[in-house]
Protein backbone atom coordinates (compact mmCIF):
# COMPACT_ATOMS: atom_id res chain seq x y z
CA MET A 1 41.06 -87.38 -47.14
CA ASP A 2 44.24 -89.43 -46.92
CA VAL A 3 46.98 -86.89 -46.26
CA LYS A 4 50.55 -88.14 -46.00
CA TYR A 5 53.16 -86.12 -44.19
CA PRO A 6 56.95 -86.50 -43.83
CA GLN A 7 57.50 -88.37 -40.49
CA PRO A 8 59.72 -86.82 -37.91
CA PRO A 9 62.73 -88.57 -36.51
CA PRO A 10 62.38 -90.17 -33.16
CA SER A 11 61.86 -87.57 -30.36
CA THR A 12 64.84 -87.56 -28.00
CA VAL A 13 64.87 -84.28 -26.23
CA LYS A 14 67.99 -83.11 -24.42
CA ILE A 15 68.38 -79.63 -23.01
CA LYS A 16 71.81 -78.25 -23.75
CA ARG A 17 73.29 -76.58 -20.74
CA THR A 18 75.72 -73.67 -20.85
CA THR A 19 77.75 -71.84 -18.21
CA SER A 20 77.54 -68.60 -20.18
CA SER A 21 75.99 -65.42 -18.67
CA ASP A 22 72.27 -65.99 -18.00
CA GLY A 23 71.25 -62.38 -18.07
CA SER A 24 68.12 -61.63 -20.11
CA GLY A 25 67.52 -58.33 -21.84
CA THR A 26 68.33 -56.38 -24.82
CA GLY A 27 71.96 -56.81 -26.06
CA THR A 28 72.44 -59.94 -23.93
CA ILE A 29 74.59 -62.62 -25.72
CA ILE A 30 73.59 -66.29 -25.19
CA LEU A 31 76.38 -69.00 -25.68
CA ASN A 32 78.11 -66.63 -28.12
CA LYS A 33 75.39 -67.63 -30.66
CA TYR A 34 72.38 -65.34 -30.19
CA GLN A 35 71.84 -61.80 -29.22
CA LEU A 36 68.68 -60.65 -27.59
CA GLY A 37 66.73 -57.78 -28.93
CA ARG A 38 63.54 -56.07 -27.97
CA LEU A 39 60.85 -57.70 -25.94
CA LEU A 40 57.96 -59.22 -28.10
CA GLY A 41 55.68 -60.47 -25.39
CA ARG A 42 55.42 -62.03 -21.84
CA GLY A 43 53.58 -64.84 -20.06
CA SER A 44 53.39 -66.09 -16.43
CA PHE A 45 56.72 -67.81 -16.55
CA ALA A 46 58.44 -66.58 -19.66
CA LYS A 47 59.42 -63.65 -21.89
CA VAL A 48 59.84 -63.81 -25.62
CA TYR A 49 62.60 -61.64 -27.26
CA LEU A 50 63.48 -60.92 -30.74
CA GLY A 51 66.90 -62.53 -31.38
CA ARG A 52 69.80 -62.54 -33.89
CA CYS A 53 71.77 -65.68 -34.77
CA LEU A 54 75.41 -64.31 -34.75
CA ASP A 55 76.86 -67.26 -36.71
CA ASP A 56 74.11 -67.28 -39.50
CA ASN A 57 74.03 -63.87 -41.10
CA ASN A 58 72.22 -62.31 -38.33
CA THR A 59 69.13 -64.37 -39.04
CA GLU A 60 66.25 -63.31 -36.84
CA VAL A 61 64.68 -65.69 -34.34
CA ALA A 62 62.30 -65.66 -31.48
CA ILE A 63 63.78 -66.59 -28.12
CA LYS A 64 61.48 -67.73 -25.26
CA VAL A 65 63.35 -67.06 -22.00
CA ILE A 66 62.02 -68.99 -18.98
CA ASN A 67 63.33 -67.84 -15.62
CA LYS A 68 63.82 -70.69 -13.18
CA THR A 69 64.46 -68.63 -10.17
CA THR A 70 61.56 -65.95 -10.22
CA THR A 71 58.08 -66.32 -11.52
CA THR A 72 54.96 -64.43 -10.94
CA THR A 73 54.32 -65.92 -7.56
CA THR A 74 56.85 -68.45 -6.36
CA THR A 75 60.28 -69.84 -7.11
CA PHE A 76 60.45 -72.12 -10.10
CA ASP A 77 58.44 -75.33 -9.44
CA ALA A 78 60.57 -78.47 -9.81
CA SER A 79 57.78 -79.98 -12.02
CA MET A 80 58.31 -77.16 -14.71
CA GLU A 81 61.29 -78.50 -16.30
CA PRO A 82 59.65 -81.94 -17.34
CA ARG A 83 56.71 -79.86 -18.57
CA ILE A 84 59.05 -77.82 -20.67
CA ILE A 85 60.70 -80.93 -21.98
CA ARG A 86 57.28 -82.23 -22.92
CA GLU A 87 56.63 -79.06 -24.82
CA VAL A 88 60.05 -79.36 -26.58
CA SER A 89 59.38 -82.92 -27.41
CA ALA A 90 56.10 -82.06 -29.06
CA MET A 91 57.51 -79.20 -31.16
CA ARG A 92 60.39 -81.57 -32.35
CA ARG A 93 57.95 -84.19 -33.42
CA LEU A 94 56.05 -81.60 -35.44
CA ASN A 95 59.00 -79.63 -37.06
CA HIS A 96 58.24 -80.81 -40.46
CA HIS A 97 54.94 -79.28 -40.95
CA PRO A 98 54.88 -75.80 -42.84
CA ASN A 99 52.03 -74.53 -40.57
CA ILE A 100 53.67 -75.34 -37.16
CA LEU A 101 56.25 -72.93 -35.74
CA LYS A 102 59.63 -74.62 -35.75
CA LEU A 103 61.94 -75.06 -32.68
CA HIS A 104 65.56 -74.68 -33.64
CA GLU A 105 67.34 -75.13 -30.33
CA VAL A 106 67.05 -75.44 -26.57
CA MET A 107 69.70 -74.24 -24.07
CA ALA A 108 69.74 -73.82 -20.38
CA THR A 109 71.83 -72.34 -17.61
CA LYS A 110 71.37 -72.63 -13.77
CA THR A 111 68.81 -70.02 -13.75
CA LYS A 112 67.26 -69.84 -17.22
CA ILE A 113 65.97 -71.97 -20.12
CA TYR A 114 66.12 -70.64 -23.67
CA LEU A 115 63.81 -71.89 -26.52
CA VAL A 116 65.07 -70.70 -29.84
CA MET A 117 62.25 -70.74 -32.40
CA GLU A 118 61.22 -69.61 -35.81
CA LEU A 119 60.24 -65.98 -35.87
CA ALA A 120 56.71 -65.38 -37.26
CA HIS A 121 57.25 -61.94 -38.95
CA GLY A 122 53.43 -61.41 -39.53
CA GLY A 123 52.50 -61.38 -35.90
CA GLU A 124 49.33 -62.74 -34.31
CA LEU A 125 46.55 -63.51 -36.66
CA PHE A 126 44.35 -62.12 -33.83
CA THR A 127 45.88 -58.68 -34.60
CA LYS A 128 45.08 -58.96 -38.37
CA LEU A 129 41.47 -60.11 -37.50
CA ASN A 130 40.90 -57.04 -35.40
CA ARG A 131 42.29 -54.85 -38.46
CA ARG A 132 39.55 -56.40 -40.59
CA GLY A 133 36.81 -55.30 -38.37
CA GLY A 134 36.92 -58.42 -36.10
CA ARG A 135 35.94 -60.96 -38.89
CA PHE A 136 37.04 -62.31 -42.27
CA SER A 137 35.38 -62.86 -45.61
CA GLU A 138 34.45 -66.61 -46.04
CA SER A 139 37.32 -67.02 -48.52
CA THR A 140 39.94 -65.53 -46.21
CA ALA A 141 38.50 -67.56 -43.19
CA ARG A 142 38.69 -70.74 -45.33
CA PHE A 143 42.29 -70.01 -46.41
CA TYR A 144 43.50 -69.89 -42.68
CA PHE A 145 41.17 -72.70 -41.64
CA HIS A 146 42.61 -74.90 -44.23
CA GLN A 147 46.08 -74.44 -42.80
CA LEU A 148 44.92 -74.84 -39.20
CA ALA A 149 43.09 -78.09 -39.93
CA SER A 150 46.19 -79.46 -41.91
CA ALA A 151 48.56 -78.59 -39.09
CA LEU A 152 46.18 -80.13 -36.42
CA HIS A 153 45.72 -83.37 -38.64
CA PHE A 154 49.57 -83.71 -38.70
CA CYS A 155 49.67 -83.17 -34.87
CA HIS A 156 47.04 -85.83 -34.33
CA GLN A 157 48.82 -88.29 -36.72
CA ASN A 158 51.86 -87.84 -34.54
CA GLY A 159 50.11 -88.57 -31.33
CA VAL A 160 50.08 -84.84 -30.22
CA ALA A 161 46.95 -82.94 -29.01
CA HIS A 162 47.40 -79.08 -28.83
CA ARG A 163 44.68 -78.27 -26.28
CA ASP A 164 45.12 -74.59 -26.36
CA ILE A 165 43.94 -73.47 -29.86
CA LYS A 166 42.86 -69.85 -29.88
CA PRO A 167 43.59 -66.86 -32.11
CA GLN A 168 46.55 -65.61 -29.89
CA ASN A 169 48.40 -68.85 -30.63
CA LEU A 170 47.92 -68.58 -34.41
CA LEU A 171 50.77 -66.54 -36.03
CA LEU A 172 51.54 -65.49 -39.54
CA ASP A 173 54.99 -65.83 -41.24
CA GLU A 174 56.43 -63.18 -43.65
CA ASP A 175 54.50 -64.49 -46.44
CA GLY A 176 51.11 -64.46 -44.60
CA HIS A 177 50.66 -68.07 -44.05
CA LEU A 178 49.52 -69.54 -40.60
CA LYS A 179 51.88 -70.95 -37.96
CA ILE A 180 50.48 -72.72 -34.83
CA SER A 181 52.54 -71.82 -31.72
CA ASP A 182 52.51 -72.34 -27.93
CA PHE A 183 52.59 -76.18 -27.33
CA GLY A 184 52.93 -75.57 -23.49
CA LEU A 185 49.62 -77.43 -22.88
CA SER A 186 50.14 -80.12 -25.59
CA ALA A 187 49.57 -83.80 -24.75
CA LEU A 188 51.82 -86.65 -25.81
CA PRO A 189 50.75 -90.43 -26.15
CA GLU A 190 52.48 -91.26 -22.85
CA GLN A 191 50.15 -88.94 -20.99
CA LEU A 192 47.12 -91.21 -21.91
CA ARG A 193 45.52 -93.28 -19.32
CA ASN A 194 43.22 -96.02 -20.75
CA GLY A 195 43.54 -94.21 -24.06
CA LEU A 196 42.26 -90.81 -22.83
CA LEU A 197 43.68 -87.68 -21.33
CA HIS A 198 42.37 -86.41 -17.92
CA THR A 199 44.01 -82.98 -17.35
CA ALA A 200 41.56 -79.99 -17.21
CA CYS A 201 43.39 -77.20 -19.09
CA GLY A 202 43.09 -74.63 -21.93
CA THR A 203 41.17 -71.29 -22.34
CA PRO A 204 37.44 -71.53 -21.32
CA ALA A 205 35.96 -69.76 -24.39
CA TYR A 206 37.74 -72.15 -26.76
CA THR A 207 37.90 -75.37 -24.59
CA ALA A 208 35.64 -78.39 -25.21
CA PRO A 209 33.15 -79.03 -22.51
CA GLU A 210 34.28 -82.47 -21.74
CA VAL A 211 37.72 -81.25 -20.84
CA VAL A 212 36.54 -79.49 -17.59
CA TYR A 213 34.47 -82.35 -16.30
CA ARG A 214 37.37 -84.35 -14.87
CA LYS A 215 36.47 -87.37 -16.93
CA GLY A 216 38.71 -88.90 -19.68
CA TYR A 217 38.53 -87.01 -23.02
CA ASP A 218 39.95 -87.43 -26.53
CA GLY A 219 42.43 -84.59 -27.16
CA ALA A 220 42.05 -84.69 -30.87
CA LYS A 221 38.25 -84.25 -30.51
CA ALA A 222 38.87 -81.48 -28.07
CA ASP A 223 41.05 -79.73 -30.63
CA ALA A 224 38.32 -80.18 -33.12
CA TRP A 225 35.83 -78.26 -30.89
CA SER A 226 38.35 -75.45 -30.63
CA CYS A 227 38.42 -75.36 -34.41
CA GLY A 228 34.71 -74.85 -34.42
CA VAL A 229 34.99 -71.86 -32.05
CA ILE A 230 37.81 -70.46 -34.21
CA LEU A 231 35.80 -70.75 -37.51
CA TYR A 232 32.87 -69.11 -35.79
CA VAL A 233 35.13 -66.25 -34.63
CA PHE A 234 36.50 -65.92 -38.13
CA LEU A 235 33.31 -65.58 -39.82
CA ALA A 236 30.94 -64.04 -37.05
CA GLY A 237 33.42 -61.67 -35.37
CA SER A 238 32.50 -62.79 -31.91
CA LEU A 239 32.56 -65.84 -29.61
CA PRO A 240 29.73 -68.37 -29.80
CA PHE A 241 29.68 -68.83 -26.12
CA ASP A 242 30.64 -65.78 -24.09
CA ASP A 243 29.69 -65.61 -20.49
CA SER A 244 31.89 -64.96 -17.34
CA ASN A 245 29.51 -67.22 -15.42
CA LEU A 246 31.13 -70.56 -16.24
CA PRO A 247 28.14 -72.73 -15.26
CA ASN A 248 25.83 -70.72 -17.38
CA MET A 249 28.23 -70.72 -20.26
CA TYR A 250 28.42 -74.63 -20.16
CA LYS A 251 24.60 -74.83 -19.85
CA ALA A 252 24.52 -72.80 -23.07
CA ILE A 253 27.06 -74.98 -24.67
CA HIS A 254 25.23 -78.13 -23.88
CA ARG A 255 21.86 -76.65 -25.28
CA ARG A 256 23.68 -75.19 -28.29
CA GLU A 257 22.45 -71.80 -27.45
CA PHE A 258 24.28 -69.66 -30.09
CA LYS A 259 23.24 -67.82 -33.22
CA PHE A 260 24.79 -67.13 -36.56
CA PRO A 261 24.94 -63.72 -38.05
CA ASP A 262 22.85 -63.50 -41.28
CA TRP A 263 26.00 -63.32 -43.39
CA VAL A 264 27.46 -66.64 -42.44
CA SER A 265 26.58 -69.17 -45.28
CA LYS A 266 24.49 -72.38 -44.72
CA PRO A 267 27.46 -74.65 -45.67
CA ALA A 268 29.71 -72.97 -43.12
CA ARG A 269 26.95 -73.16 -40.54
CA ARG A 270 26.69 -76.90 -40.93
CA VAL A 271 30.40 -77.44 -40.52
CA ILE A 272 30.42 -75.25 -37.28
CA ASN A 273 27.38 -77.05 -35.91
CA ARG A 274 29.10 -80.34 -36.34
CA LEU A 275 32.34 -79.11 -34.73
CA LEU A 276 30.39 -77.44 -31.77
CA ASP A 277 28.62 -80.63 -30.88
CA PRO A 278 28.85 -81.04 -27.08
CA ASN A 279 28.90 -84.84 -27.47
CA PRO A 280 32.46 -85.75 -28.57
CA ASP A 281 31.28 -89.09 -29.89
CA THR A 282 29.18 -87.46 -32.70
CA ARG A 283 31.43 -84.34 -33.09
CA TYR A 284 33.34 -84.14 -36.34
CA SER A 285 37.02 -85.10 -36.15
CA ILE A 286 39.51 -83.08 -38.03
CA GLU A 287 39.75 -85.85 -40.54
CA GLU A 288 35.96 -85.82 -41.05
CA LEU A 289 36.00 -82.06 -41.22
CA MET A 290 38.57 -82.27 -44.05
CA LYS A 291 36.11 -84.34 -46.24
CA THR A 292 33.25 -81.82 -46.19
CA PRO A 293 32.38 -79.93 -49.34
CA TRP A 294 32.81 -76.65 -47.58
CA PHE A 295 36.41 -77.55 -46.51
CA LYS A 296 37.23 -78.99 -50.01
CA ARG A 297 36.44 -75.71 -51.80
CA SER A 298 39.58 -73.94 -52.75
CA SER A 299 40.21 -70.36 -51.42
CA SER A 300 40.19 -67.56 -53.88
CA MET A 301 42.34 -65.36 -51.60
CA LYS A 302 44.69 -63.44 -53.82
CA GLN A 303 48.60 -63.83 -53.35
CA GLU A 304 48.82 -59.98 -52.94
CA GLU A 305 46.15 -60.13 -50.14
CA ILE A 306 48.21 -62.91 -48.38
CA LYS A 307 51.31 -60.67 -48.71
CA GLN A 308 49.36 -57.88 -47.09
CA PHE A 309 48.54 -60.04 -44.11
CA GLY A 310 52.17 -60.93 -43.68
CA GLU A 311 53.59 -57.37 -43.55
CA GLY A 312 55.26 -56.05 -40.46
CA ILE A 313 56.75 -57.91 -37.49
CA LEU A 314 55.53 -59.27 -34.20
CA GLU A 315 53.81 -56.46 -32.25
CA LYS A 316 51.63 -56.10 -29.26
CA GLU A 317 48.73 -53.73 -29.68
CA SER A 318 47.24 -54.21 -26.23
CA SER A 319 45.56 -50.63 -26.30
CA LYS A 320 43.57 -51.77 -29.30
CA HIS A 321 42.67 -55.09 -27.73
CA MET A 322 41.46 -53.79 -24.33
CA GLY A 323 38.24 -52.34 -25.58
CA ARG A 324 37.24 -55.81 -26.88
CA MET A 325 38.58 -57.87 -23.87
CA ASN A 326 36.40 -60.07 -21.76
CA ALA A 327 37.23 -62.29 -18.74
CA PHE A 328 38.34 -65.02 -21.17
CA ASP A 329 40.81 -62.78 -23.10
CA ILE A 330 42.38 -61.84 -19.80
CA ILE A 331 42.50 -65.55 -18.70
CA SER A 332 43.98 -66.51 -22.08
CA MET A 333 47.15 -64.29 -21.42
CA ASN A 334 48.32 -66.82 -18.90
CA SER A 335 49.82 -69.94 -20.48
CA GLY A 336 49.50 -73.20 -18.52
CA LEU A 337 45.97 -72.37 -17.23
CA ASP A 338 44.50 -75.07 -14.99
CA LEU A 339 40.73 -75.18 -15.45
CA SER A 340 39.95 -77.44 -12.63
CA GLY A 341 38.99 -74.56 -10.39
CA LEU A 342 37.10 -72.31 -12.73
CA PHE A 343 33.69 -73.23 -11.21
CA GLU A 344 34.79 -71.51 -7.96
CA MET A 345 34.95 -68.09 -9.65
CA GLY A 346 32.74 -65.77 -7.51
CA LEU A 347 32.08 -68.27 -4.74
CA ASN A 348 32.15 -67.16 -1.09
CA LYS A 349 32.09 -69.03 2.16
CA LYS A 350 28.40 -69.51 1.96
CA GLU A 351 28.29 -71.34 -1.44
CA MET A 352 29.15 -74.73 -2.44
CA ARG A 353 29.01 -76.59 -5.80
CA PHE A 354 29.62 -79.99 -7.10
CA THR A 355 29.02 -81.99 -10.28
CA THR A 356 27.13 -85.25 -10.42
CA ASN A 357 25.83 -87.68 -13.12
CA VAL A 358 22.73 -89.13 -11.44
CA GLY A 359 20.06 -86.89 -12.71
CA VAL A 360 17.72 -84.04 -11.48
CA ILE A 361 15.10 -86.19 -9.84
CA GLU A 362 17.51 -88.22 -7.90
CA VAL A 363 19.54 -85.26 -6.75
CA GLU A 364 16.38 -83.48 -5.62
CA GLU A 365 15.30 -86.59 -3.74
CA LYS A 366 18.68 -86.90 -2.18
CA VAL A 367 18.83 -83.18 -1.14
CA MET A 368 15.44 -83.38 0.34
CA LYS A 369 16.05 -86.38 2.47
CA ILE A 370 19.31 -85.04 3.86
CA GLY A 371 17.50 -81.88 4.53
CA LYS A 372 14.63 -83.45 6.37
CA ASP A 373 17.17 -85.74 8.33
CA GLY A 374 19.03 -82.60 9.20
CA GLY A 375 15.88 -80.80 10.62
CA TYR A 376 15.39 -78.63 7.70
CA ARG A 377 11.89 -77.72 6.25
CA VAL A 378 11.99 -78.74 2.51
CA GLU A 379 10.28 -76.57 -0.10
CA ARG A 380 10.17 -77.31 -3.90
CA ARG A 381 10.63 -74.03 -5.78
CA LYS A 382 8.40 -73.23 -8.69
CA SER A 383 11.28 -71.95 -10.73
CA GLY A 384 13.10 -75.32 -10.07
CA GLY A 385 15.40 -76.47 -7.34
CA VAL A 386 14.89 -76.99 -3.63
CA GLY A 387 14.74 -74.70 -0.71
CA LEU A 388 15.99 -75.81 2.83
CA VAL A 389 14.78 -73.72 5.85
CA LYS A 390 15.77 -74.01 9.49
CA ARG A 391 14.93 -71.08 11.76
CA ARG A 392 16.49 -67.98 10.11
CA VAL A 393 18.74 -70.02 7.76
CA VAL A 394 17.50 -70.47 4.28
CA LEU A 395 19.40 -72.62 1.69
CA LEU A 396 18.70 -72.64 -1.97
CA VAL A 397 19.75 -75.60 -4.09
CA GLU A 398 19.85 -75.21 -7.83
CA ILE A 399 20.62 -77.87 -10.42
CA LEU A 400 21.98 -76.95 -13.85
CA GLU A 401 22.59 -79.41 -16.79
CA VAL A 402 25.89 -78.45 -18.14
CA ALA A 403 26.64 -81.37 -20.36
CA LYS A 404 25.17 -84.64 -21.51
CA GLU A 405 24.38 -86.75 -18.40
CA LEU A 406 26.38 -84.22 -16.23
CA TRP A 407 24.78 -81.61 -13.68
CA LEU A 408 26.16 -78.85 -11.54
CA VAL A 409 24.47 -78.66 -8.19
CA GLU A 410 24.81 -75.29 -6.43
CA PHE A 411 23.97 -74.60 -2.66
CA LYS A 412 23.54 -70.96 -1.45
CA VAL A 413 23.00 -69.56 2.01
CA VAL A 414 20.54 -66.74 1.09
CA ASN A 415 19.47 -65.93 4.64
CA GLY A 416 20.80 -66.33 8.17
CA GLY A 417 24.38 -66.57 7.05
CA THR A 418 25.78 -65.67 10.38
CA GLU A 419 23.89 -68.72 12.05
CA PHE A 420 25.05 -71.12 9.44
CA GLU A 421 28.20 -72.94 10.82
CA ASP A 422 31.00 -74.66 8.75
CA CYS A 423 30.10 -77.96 10.38
CA GLN A 424 26.72 -77.94 8.69
CA TRP A 425 28.51 -77.85 5.23
CA GLU A 426 30.33 -80.89 6.41
CA GLU A 427 27.06 -82.65 7.32
CA LEU A 428 25.60 -81.93 3.97
CA LYS A 429 28.79 -83.11 2.18
CA PHE A 430 28.81 -86.28 4.14
CA GLY A 431 25.17 -87.07 3.02
CA LEU A 432 25.77 -86.17 -0.55
CA LYS A 433 29.17 -87.99 -1.06
CA ASP A 434 27.77 -91.00 -2.85
CA ILE A 435 26.44 -88.98 -5.73
CA VAL A 436 29.31 -86.42 -6.17
CA VAL A 437 31.69 -86.57 -9.09
CA SER A 438 33.73 -83.55 -8.06
CA TRP A 439 33.49 -80.79 -5.55
CA TYR A 440 34.28 -77.23 -6.62
CA ASN A 441 34.17 -75.46 -3.28
CA ASP A 442 34.12 -76.82 0.35
CA GLY A 443 31.85 -74.03 1.65
CA SER A 444 34.37 -72.99 4.47
């Protein structure tokens, strides 16, 4: 499908600075142009307010206020402004697509940065999904999925990978049409190294498996994976992979251990299966997706139904969401999430994990050799893995395949922890260093 879009002007981002009051709250006037109204939402580093444009018939906008002097944990990181500029640059490249939230203006004072954006009157698609019992009919799902794919195709044609596609970042305008928002984790062409991206970021339940492995990845293919998760959520009403234990979840991803409810049609299943392919080389791209018969079918969603979806204004219904929340929903509230440490969740000082690409047999042989050299008695476990025993100390070593040609190796002290010294971790780490891709905990 050869889709032509209007090309944006060259992206030259300048933050307009103003010496006006930089208070933030209801009634605050910014640069004599905008008045802040009620709070619409908040994140780790920003708050979003309803705003009125004073010199344009009180047109309503959304104003994202980033406080440079106080954040959730520390003073404003000097690296944040370049990152914001990158977000602004991405949005300005994409301002011409009807399904991408428009950025109107950027201003800054000594203490705050203001992003003035289009207001999505219809609120979050996530809220509408919950009101529909957690899932859409296939026709409604296709209606929104068409718009999502069209917007991402436009992003990719302009060198932008979103990298954080999830229901909370899909908004609706007053006519009920989809708008992609929050380009805080987006990537531009200048971030490529050898043609690939390398930053581990996103929301775990929606993030492609290759993104977390600290190897290079194709941002467009990563967005395609997220689309597969989104389509599954639209139709099934749940996540395909949902486990607070990250290694177990990525093991399930690699083995494609997910099931479709009976009501999901076979054509839709084929599309989702091709998008949720853990191998990015054989996974559908957005362009390939748009050529499928299922995608090409027109949506029969009626205009009055679209209108119904667009009623109301932005709203936060946290009380309704809490009953359905899991660990990933809580994590997803924080924009700018770094996934590089997620495998450390739940670790203590007597656990150690690393990834490797040498294979199970070679890992076991390496562990057994290091164990014998260190004076441990080595035991192969019937359930898999290796046991290392020295006096009262017992170490269990488990190996999980989490992606094609990538394994997670986990060491646990299951007995004699008080006798196990930190220096013994260092000895193990030294012996294993030539097979390690990345450490996820240093055991100390």
